[in-house]
Protein backbone atom coordinates (compact mmCIF):
# COMPACT_ATOMS: atom_id res chain seq x y z
CA MET A 1 0.00 0.00 0.00
CA ASP A 2 1.52 3.30 -1.17
CA LEU A 3 -0.08 6.38 0.39
CA ALA A 4 2.33 8.84 -1.24
CA PHE A 5 1.05 10.97 -4.11
CA THR A 6 2.85 10.72 -7.46
CA PRO A 7 4.38 13.77 -9.18
CA GLU A 8 1.47 13.69 -11.62
CA GLU A 9 -1.02 13.73 -8.75
CA GLN A 10 0.82 16.59 -7.08
CA SER A 11 0.72 18.52 -10.36
CA PHE A 12 -3.01 17.85 -10.57
CA ARG A 13 -3.42 19.19 -7.03
CA GLU A 14 -1.64 22.42 -7.96
CA GLU A 15 -3.87 22.84 -11.01
CA VAL A 16 -7.02 22.40 -8.95
CA ARG A 17 -5.75 24.68 -6.18
CA ALA A 18 -4.98 27.49 -8.60
CA TRP A 19 -8.32 27.22 -10.41
CA VAL A 20 -10.43 27.02 -7.23
CA ARG A 21 -8.74 30.02 -5.64
CA ALA A 22 -9.10 32.04 -8.84
CA ASN A 23 -12.79 31.25 -9.33
CA LEU A 24 -14.26 30.88 -5.83
CA PRO A 25 -16.18 34.07 -4.88
CA GLN A 26 -14.38 35.61 -1.92
CA ASP A 27 -17.54 36.63 -0.09
CA THR A 28 -18.66 32.99 -0.22
CA ALA A 29 -15.26 31.79 1.02
CA HIS A 30 -15.47 34.27 3.92
CA LYS A 31 -18.85 32.86 4.95
CA VAL A 32 -17.55 29.28 4.84
CA ARG A 33 -14.37 30.16 6.75
CA HIS A 34 -16.43 31.62 9.60
CA SER A 35 -19.45 29.29 9.36
CA LEU A 36 -21.79 32.13 8.45
CA ARG A 37 -25.11 31.55 6.73
CA LEU A 38 -24.95 30.42 3.10
CA THR A 39 -27.89 31.37 0.89
CA ARG A 40 -29.27 29.36 -1.99
CA ASP A 41 -27.48 31.76 -4.34
CA ASP A 42 -24.17 31.08 -2.57
CA LEU A 43 -24.56 27.33 -2.89
CA GLN A 44 -25.97 27.20 -6.38
CA GLY A 45 -23.67 29.98 -7.60
CA TRP A 46 -20.61 27.85 -6.74
CA ALA A 47 -22.29 24.78 -8.23
CA LYS A 48 -22.84 26.60 -11.52
CA ILE A 49 -19.21 27.80 -11.58
CA LEU A 50 -18.08 24.20 -11.16
CA GLY A 51 -20.65 23.05 -13.70
CA LYS A 52 -19.36 25.46 -16.31
CA LYS A 53 -15.86 24.05 -15.77
CA GLY A 54 -17.22 20.49 -15.97
CA TRP A 55 -16.24 19.74 -12.36
CA LEU A 56 -19.59 19.67 -10.54
CA GLY A 57 -19.90 16.01 -11.48
CA TYR A 58 -16.28 15.50 -10.44
CA GLY A 59 -16.85 11.83 -9.68
CA TRP A 60 -18.51 11.07 -13.01
CA PRO A 61 -16.96 8.99 -15.80
CA ARG A 62 -16.29 10.64 -19.14
CA GLN A 63 -19.12 8.79 -20.87
CA PHE A 64 -21.62 10.78 -18.82
CA GLY A 65 -19.88 14.13 -19.19
CA GLY A 66 -17.60 13.95 -16.16
CA PRO A 67 -13.84 14.52 -16.04
CA GLY A 68 -13.13 10.80 -15.58
CA TRP A 69 -10.83 11.40 -12.63
CA SER A 70 -9.26 8.63 -10.60
CA ALA A 71 -10.25 8.08 -6.97
CA VAL A 72 -7.07 9.89 -5.86
CA GLN A 73 -7.80 12.88 -8.09
CA LYS A 74 -11.34 13.11 -6.69
CA HIS A 75 -9.91 13.10 -3.17
CA LEU A 76 -7.42 15.85 -4.02
CA PHE A 77 -10.17 17.95 -5.61
CA GLU A 78 -12.32 17.63 -2.49
CA GLU A 79 -9.38 18.51 -0.26
CA GLU A 80 -8.40 21.63 -2.21
CA CYS A 81 -12.01 22.84 -2.29
CA ALA A 82 -12.29 22.39 1.47
CA LEU A 83 -8.98 24.11 2.23
CA ALA A 84 -9.95 27.05 0.00
CA CYS A 85 -13.18 27.39 2.03
CA ALA A 86 -15.48 26.52 -0.86
CA PRO A 87 -19.02 25.49 0.09
CA ARG A 88 -19.68 21.78 0.17
CA ILE A 89 -21.24 20.60 -3.06
CA VAL A 90 -24.89 19.91 -2.27
CA PRO A 91 -24.67 16.15 -2.81
CA PHE A 92 -28.21 15.11 -3.65
CA GLY A 93 -27.86 15.66 -7.39
CA PRO A 94 -24.26 15.11 -8.49
CA VAL A 95 -23.08 12.74 -5.75
CA MET A 96 -26.19 10.72 -4.89
CA VAL A 97 -28.94 10.46 -7.50
CA ALA A 98 -26.68 10.85 -10.55
CA PRO A 99 -24.77 7.58 -9.93
CA VAL A 100 -28.12 5.78 -9.56
CA ILE A 101 -29.37 7.20 -12.86
CA MET A 102 -26.07 6.22 -14.50
CA ALA A 103 -26.18 2.68 -13.14
CA TYR A 104 -29.89 1.85 -13.37
CA GLY A 105 -31.60 4.55 -15.44
CA SER A 106 -32.57 4.16 -19.08
CA PRO A 107 -30.63 6.00 -21.80
CA GLU A 108 -33.60 8.36 -22.12
CA GLN A 109 -33.52 9.13 -18.38
CA GLN A 110 -29.77 9.70 -18.50
CA GLN A 111 -30.12 12.15 -21.39
CA ARG A 112 -33.04 13.89 -19.69
CA PHE A 113 -31.73 14.33 -16.13
CA LEU A 114 -27.92 14.24 -16.10
CA PRO A 115 -27.20 17.49 -18.01
CA GLY A 116 -29.22 19.60 -15.55
CA ILE A 117 -27.40 18.00 -12.63
CA ALA A 118 -23.98 18.46 -14.23
CA SER A 119 -24.59 22.17 -14.91
CA GLY A 120 -25.93 22.95 -11.43
CA GLU A 121 -29.13 24.34 -12.93
CA VAL A 122 -31.47 21.77 -11.35
CA TRP A 123 -31.60 21.43 -7.56
CA TRP A 124 -32.36 17.90 -6.33
CA SER A 125 -33.68 16.84 -2.93
CA GLN A 126 -33.76 13.45 -1.22
CA GLY A 127 -37.01 11.79 -0.17
CA TYR A 128 -36.04 8.86 2.05
CA SER A 129 -36.87 9.37 5.75
CA GLU A 130 -40.46 9.50 7.01
CA PRO A 131 -41.91 10.35 10.44
CA GLY A 132 -41.85 6.65 11.40
CA SER A 133 -39.07 5.45 9.10
CA GLY A 134 -35.55 6.73 9.56
CA SER A 135 -32.84 4.19 10.29
CA ASP A 136 -35.49 1.51 9.69
CA LEU A 137 -36.00 2.80 6.17
CA ALA A 138 -37.60 -0.42 4.93
CA SER A 139 -40.70 0.41 6.99
CA LEU A 140 -41.53 3.45 4.82
CA LYS A 141 -45.21 3.99 3.99
CA THR A 142 -45.35 6.61 1.22
CA ARG A 143 -47.43 4.84 -1.39
CA ALA A 144 -47.24 4.93 -5.20
CA GLU A 145 -50.08 3.20 -7.01
CA ARG A 146 -49.87 2.51 -10.73
CA ALA A 147 -52.71 4.00 -12.78
CA GLY A 148 -52.08 3.47 -16.47
CA ASP A 149 -49.03 5.45 -17.56
CA LYS A 150 -48.59 7.21 -14.23
CA TYR A 151 -48.23 6.67 -10.49
CA ILE A 152 -50.40 8.31 -7.86
CA VAL A 153 -48.23 9.16 -4.84
CA ASN A 154 -49.55 9.76 -1.32
CA GLY A 155 -47.55 10.11 1.87
CA GLN A 156 -44.98 12.20 3.68
CA LYS A 157 -41.22 12.57 3.83
CA THR A 158 -39.38 14.43 6.57
CA TRP A 159 -35.93 15.86 7.38
CA THR A 160 -35.62 16.70 3.68
CA THR A 161 -32.45 18.79 3.67
CA LEU A 162 -32.84 22.10 1.79
CA GLY A 163 -36.05 20.77 0.30
CA GLN A 164 -37.45 24.30 0.17
CA TYR A 165 -35.06 24.92 -2.74
CA GLY A 166 -35.76 21.68 -4.58
CA ASP A 167 -36.77 21.45 -8.23
CA TRP A 168 -36.90 17.63 -8.23
CA ILE A 169 -36.88 14.99 -5.52
CA PHE A 170 -35.87 11.34 -5.73
CA CYS A 171 -38.09 9.22 -3.52
CA LEU A 172 -38.35 5.74 -2.16
CA VAL A 173 -42.01 4.75 -2.39
CA ARG A 174 -43.95 1.61 -1.58
CA THR A 175 -45.40 -0.10 -4.64
CA SER A 176 -46.14 -3.48 -3.06
CA THR A 177 -46.92 -4.95 0.34
CA GLU A 178 -46.09 -8.52 -0.69
CA GLY A 179 -43.17 -10.35 0.91
CA LYS A 180 -40.40 -8.64 2.86
CA PRO A 181 -40.68 -4.86 3.31
CA GLN A 182 -37.55 -4.28 1.24
CA THR A 183 -39.00 -6.07 -1.80
CA GLY A 184 -41.93 -3.68 -2.26
CA ILE A 185 -40.00 -0.41 -2.62
CA SER A 186 -39.45 1.53 -5.84
CA PHE A 187 -37.24 4.48 -6.79
CA LEU A 188 -39.21 7.37 -8.27
CA LEU A 189 -38.18 10.81 -9.58
CA ILE A 190 -40.77 13.51 -8.81
CA ASP A 191 -41.05 17.08 -10.06
CA MET A 192 -41.54 19.18 -6.91
CA LYS A 193 -43.66 21.67 -8.84
CA SER A 194 -46.29 18.97 -9.39
CA PRO A 195 -49.80 19.68 -8.01
CA GLY A 196 -50.18 18.05 -4.61
CA VAL A 197 -46.57 18.51 -3.45
CA THR A 198 -46.33 20.67 -0.32
CA VAL A 199 -43.05 21.64 1.36
CA ARG A 200 -43.18 22.76 4.99
CA PRO A 201 -39.89 24.03 6.47
CA ILE A 202 -38.93 22.92 9.99
CA ARG A 203 -37.29 25.66 12.05
CA LEU A 204 -34.40 24.29 14.09
CA LEU A 205 -32.72 25.42 17.32
CA ASP A 206 -30.22 27.52 15.38
CA GLY A 207 -33.03 29.50 13.76
CA GLU A 208 -32.47 27.97 10.33
CA CYS A 209 -34.87 25.91 8.21
CA GLU A 210 -32.31 23.46 6.90
CA VAL A 211 -34.77 20.57 6.88
CA ASN A 212 -38.35 20.21 5.73
CA GLU A 213 -41.45 18.07 5.66
CA VAL A 214 -42.66 17.15 2.18
CA PHE A 215 -46.26 16.03 1.67
CA PHE A 216 -47.64 14.17 -1.36
CA ASP A 217 -51.39 14.40 -1.88
CA ASN A 218 -52.51 12.43 -4.97
CA VAL A 219 -49.42 13.56 -6.87
CA GLU A 220 -49.37 12.30 -10.44
CA VAL A 221 -45.95 11.08 -11.56
CA PRO A 222 -45.30 9.76 -15.09
CA ALA A 223 -44.39 6.07 -15.05
CA GLN A 224 -41.35 6.95 -17.18
CA ASN A 225 -39.88 8.56 -14.04
CA LEU A 226 -39.45 5.13 -12.42
CA ILE A 227 -35.78 4.20 -12.16
CA GLY A 228 -35.06 0.61 -13.10
CA GLU A 229 -37.66 -1.98 -12.22
CA GLU A 230 -40.66 -1.66 -9.97
CA ASN A 231 -40.08 -3.09 -6.46
CA LYS A 232 -36.28 -3.07 -6.95
CA GLY A 233 -35.74 0.33 -5.34
CA TRP A 234 -34.07 -1.09 -2.23
CA THR A 235 -31.16 -2.27 -4.36
CA TYR A 236 -30.79 1.19 -5.87
CA ALA A 237 -31.12 2.83 -2.44
CA LYS A 238 -28.21 0.80 -1.06
CA HIS A 239 -26.10 1.88 -4.03
CA LEU A 240 -26.91 5.51 -3.22
CA LEU A 241 -26.42 5.21 0.54
CA SER A 242 -22.83 4.05 0.09
CA HIS A 243 -22.14 7.39 -1.61
CA GLU A 244 -24.01 9.31 1.11
CA ARG A 245 -22.18 7.70 4.02
CA THR A 246 -18.76 8.22 2.46
CA ASN A 247 -19.73 11.84 1.80
CA ILE A 248 -20.81 12.34 5.44
CA ALA A 249 -17.31 11.35 6.62
CA ASP A 250 -15.97 14.52 4.94
CA VAL A 251 -12.40 14.25 6.22
CA ASN A 252 -11.35 17.33 4.25
CA ARG A 253 -13.81 19.60 6.04
CA ALA A 254 -12.63 18.11 9.34
CA LYS A 255 -9.06 19.17 8.50
CA ARG A 256 -10.22 22.71 7.76
CA GLU A 257 -12.32 22.94 10.91
CA LEU A 258 -9.44 21.60 12.99
CA GLU A 259 -7.42 24.64 11.92
CA ARG A 260 -10.38 26.87 12.81
CA LEU A 261 -10.50 25.29 16.27
CA LYS A 262 -6.83 26.16 16.75
CA ARG A 263 -7.49 29.77 15.68
CA ILE A 264 -10.31 30.10 18.19
CA ALA A 265 -8.22 28.56 20.98
CA ARG A 266 -5.41 31.05 20.33
CA ALA A 267 -7.80 34.01 20.02
CA GLU A 268 -9.48 33.15 23.33
CA GLY A 269 -6.20 32.57 25.22
CA ILE A 270 -6.90 28.92 25.91
CA TRP A 271 -4.13 27.58 23.67
CA GLU A 272 -1.73 27.56 26.62
CA ASP A 273 -4.02 25.24 28.60
CA THR A 274 -2.18 21.91 28.39
CA ARG A 275 -5.27 19.81 28.99
CA PHE A 276 -7.19 21.60 26.25
CA ARG A 277 -4.28 21.19 23.83
CA ASP A 278 -4.33 17.49 24.69
CA GLU A 279 -7.96 17.34 23.49
CA ILE A 280 -7.01 19.09 20.26
CA ALA A 281 -4.11 16.66 19.80
CA ARG A 282 -6.43 13.66 20.28
CA LEU A 283 -8.82 15.09 17.74
CA GLU A 284 -6.00 15.73 15.28
CA VAL A 285 -4.77 12.15 15.65
CA ASP A 286 -8.27 10.88 14.87
CA VAL A 287 -8.59 13.18 11.85
CA VAL A 288 -5.26 11.87 10.51
CA ALA A 289 -6.39 8.28 11.18
CA LEU A 290 -9.63 8.93 9.28
CA GLU A 291 -7.64 10.37 6.38
CA MET A 292 -5.39 7.31 6.37
CA LEU A 293 -8.47 5.09 6.23
CA VAL A 294 -9.77 7.06 3.25
CA LEU A 295 -6.37 6.84 1.55
CA ARG A 296 -6.29 3.07 2.12
CA VAL A 297 -9.53 2.78 0.21
CA LEU A 298 -8.14 5.01 -2.56
CA SER A 299 -4.92 2.98 -2.68
CA ALA A 300 -6.91 -0.23 -3.10
CA GLU A 301 -8.92 1.29 -5.95
CA LYS A 302 -5.77 2.69 -7.56
CA SER A 303 -4.07 -0.72 -7.53
CA GLY A 304 -7.12 -2.47 -8.97
CA LYS A 305 -7.96 -4.32 -5.77
CA ASN A 306 -11.44 -4.41 -4.32
CA PRO A 307 -11.72 -1.43 -1.96
CA LEU A 308 -12.66 -2.09 1.63
CA ASP A 309 -16.40 -2.08 2.18
CA ILE A 310 -16.22 0.47 4.96
CA ALA A 311 -18.67 3.20 4.01
CA GLY A 312 -20.44 2.67 7.34
CA LEU A 313 -17.18 2.89 9.30
CA LEU A 314 -16.22 6.13 7.55
CA LYS A 315 -19.63 7.54 8.41
CA ILE A 316 -19.31 6.56 12.08
CA LYS A 317 -15.86 8.08 12.62
CA GLY A 318 -16.43 11.12 10.42
CA SER A 319 -19.68 12.10 12.14
CA GLU A 320 -18.20 11.66 15.62
CA ILE A 321 -15.24 13.85 14.67
CA GLN A 322 -17.62 16.58 13.45
CA GLN A 323 -19.36 16.58 16.82
CA ARG A 324 -16.08 16.69 18.72
CA TYR A 325 -14.64 19.69 16.92
CA SER A 326 -17.89 21.62 17.33
CA GLU A 327 -17.88 20.81 21.07
CA LEU A 328 -14.25 21.89 21.49
CA MET A 329 -14.93 25.16 19.67
CA MET A 330 -17.76 25.85 22.13
CA LEU A 331 -15.46 25.09 25.07
CA ALA A 332 -12.69 27.29 23.69
CA ALA A 333 -14.94 30.31 23.14
CA GLY A 334 -16.81 29.94 26.41
CA PRO A 335 -19.63 32.49 26.81
CA PHE A 336 -18.80 34.07 23.44
CA SER A 337 -20.09 30.92 21.73
CA LEU A 338 -23.55 31.16 23.26
CA PRO A 339 -25.23 34.21 21.72
CA PHE A 340 -27.05 33.43 18.52
CA ILE A 341 -29.40 36.16 17.43
CA GLU A 342 -30.36 35.82 13.77
CA GLU A 343 -30.84 39.55 13.19
CA ALA A 344 -27.57 40.36 14.94
CA MET A 345 -25.72 37.81 12.83
CA GLU A 346 -27.11 39.38 9.67
CA ALA A 347 -26.06 42.84 10.88
CA GLY A 348 -22.57 41.57 11.71
CA TRP A 349 -22.29 42.94 15.23
CA GLN A 350 -21.36 39.65 16.87
CA GLY A 351 -18.13 39.68 14.91
CA ASP A 352 -17.15 42.77 16.91
CA PHE A 353 -18.23 41.40 20.27
CA PRO A 354 -15.69 42.56 22.89
CA GLY A 355 -13.04 39.89 23.38
CA GLY A 356 -14.51 37.60 20.73
CA ALA A 357 -13.31 36.84 17.22
CA VAL A 358 -15.52 36.55 14.16
CA ASP A 359 -14.81 32.80 14.25
CA ASN A 360 -16.83 32.56 17.45
CA ALA A 361 -20.08 34.16 16.35
CA PRO A 362 -22.07 31.13 15.08
CA LEU A 363 -20.55 28.41 17.26
CA ALA A 364 -23.80 27.62 19.05
CA ALA A 365 -25.52 27.11 15.70
CA THR A 366 -22.74 24.81 14.49
CA TYR A 367 -22.85 22.81 17.71
CA PHE A 368 -26.62 22.31 17.56
CA ASN A 369 -26.50 21.39 13.89
CA MET A 370 -23.79 18.77 14.36
CA ARG A 371 -25.87 16.81 16.87
CA LYS A 372 -27.68 15.24 13.92
CA THR A 373 -24.62 13.77 12.21
CA THR A 374 -24.59 10.51 14.16
CA ILE A 375 -28.25 9.93 13.27
CA TYR A 376 -28.83 10.84 9.63
CA GLY A 377 -27.56 8.67 6.80
CA GLY A 378 -28.25 5.67 9.05
CA SER A 379 -27.71 6.03 12.78
CA ASN A 380 -24.25 5.11 14.09
CA GLU A 381 -25.73 2.38 16.28
CA VAL A 382 -27.19 0.68 13.21
CA GLN A 383 -23.98 1.29 11.25
CA ARG A 384 -21.94 -0.47 13.94
CA ASN A 385 -24.14 -3.55 13.56
CA ILE A 386 -23.68 -3.47 9.78
CA VAL A 387 -19.90 -3.08 10.10
CA ALA A 388 -19.77 -5.95 12.60
CA GLN A 389 -21.71 -8.24 10.25
CA THR A 390 -19.75 -7.19 7.15
CA VAL A 391 -16.24 -7.14 8.57
CA LEU A 392 -16.41 -9.64 11.41
CA GLY A 393 -18.99 -12.00 9.92
């Protein structure tokens, strides 16, 4: 196993670094660096810049309009974007549903949907979780009944991230109650402008409406929007979830936020506290270990070996690291991390709070938001069971 980058890979890194820093809007980078609110225009603006370059679908093969990068090149691209303080690519289109359409969609579906995803023009949402079906996703109840050349969809999805911005949503729906729960699920693409679709934002503790409820009331969906075969959606969902869980690990953002934690500790005069530095050191060791695990997977792919099936393990460790750095930031800033007044944040006054740095202003919001990471994408408790069965037998 060789974890060193080749001269060609290092040259690729330099190319990406130069392009990202030349094209990333600086006001957007400032917001990311200090965890300030990103608008839809911030997120989609960066997506469209990448799309114009042909890099929004950075993980796509050439046959579908992607750059055809190797696993190592994709990792280096993600790392340089994170270190430059670019917004995370909203994954639902280019990272999650696109691979499913490529693998299981018809040629007509690929021609219809992939260009809008690649350009950043079409915003996709994910319709998986329901009020009674989260980690136990196979128990979902949203129903799609076939009526001639269309499906009639009724039900509800919840925790739909950024669903208020969605143009389309990919949904798991129940099309049969025969046999095991997993065997009656289908994968359906739904236009969110369809009559009967209602999006209701959920306001969270940090004052944001990052997640939503989505209701379907006799929504008519053309049968041609079914991906693959009816009742085979569970297979397609597992294909997608492996991409989601690897994405949640997000080791590159962890490296960037680790540096932010150090800045806050120095600004607040806690850097000289040996015990606190010990906590930062432990976190840094775990971030490096997570990166080594990612690089092991990349090395296996690069050498043509079967990569380790550890998407669940990456998700577990990555999500726990995200919670730890948000907790340590709160501890470092002390009382300066607590105020979170939406209007004050917009006005910018918390950045000038006596004794506090601009890094500190939204720490409470970040902390609250990170509590979800060990639950979504499959709770860590369930993921540990899956890892135990897969790795240990």
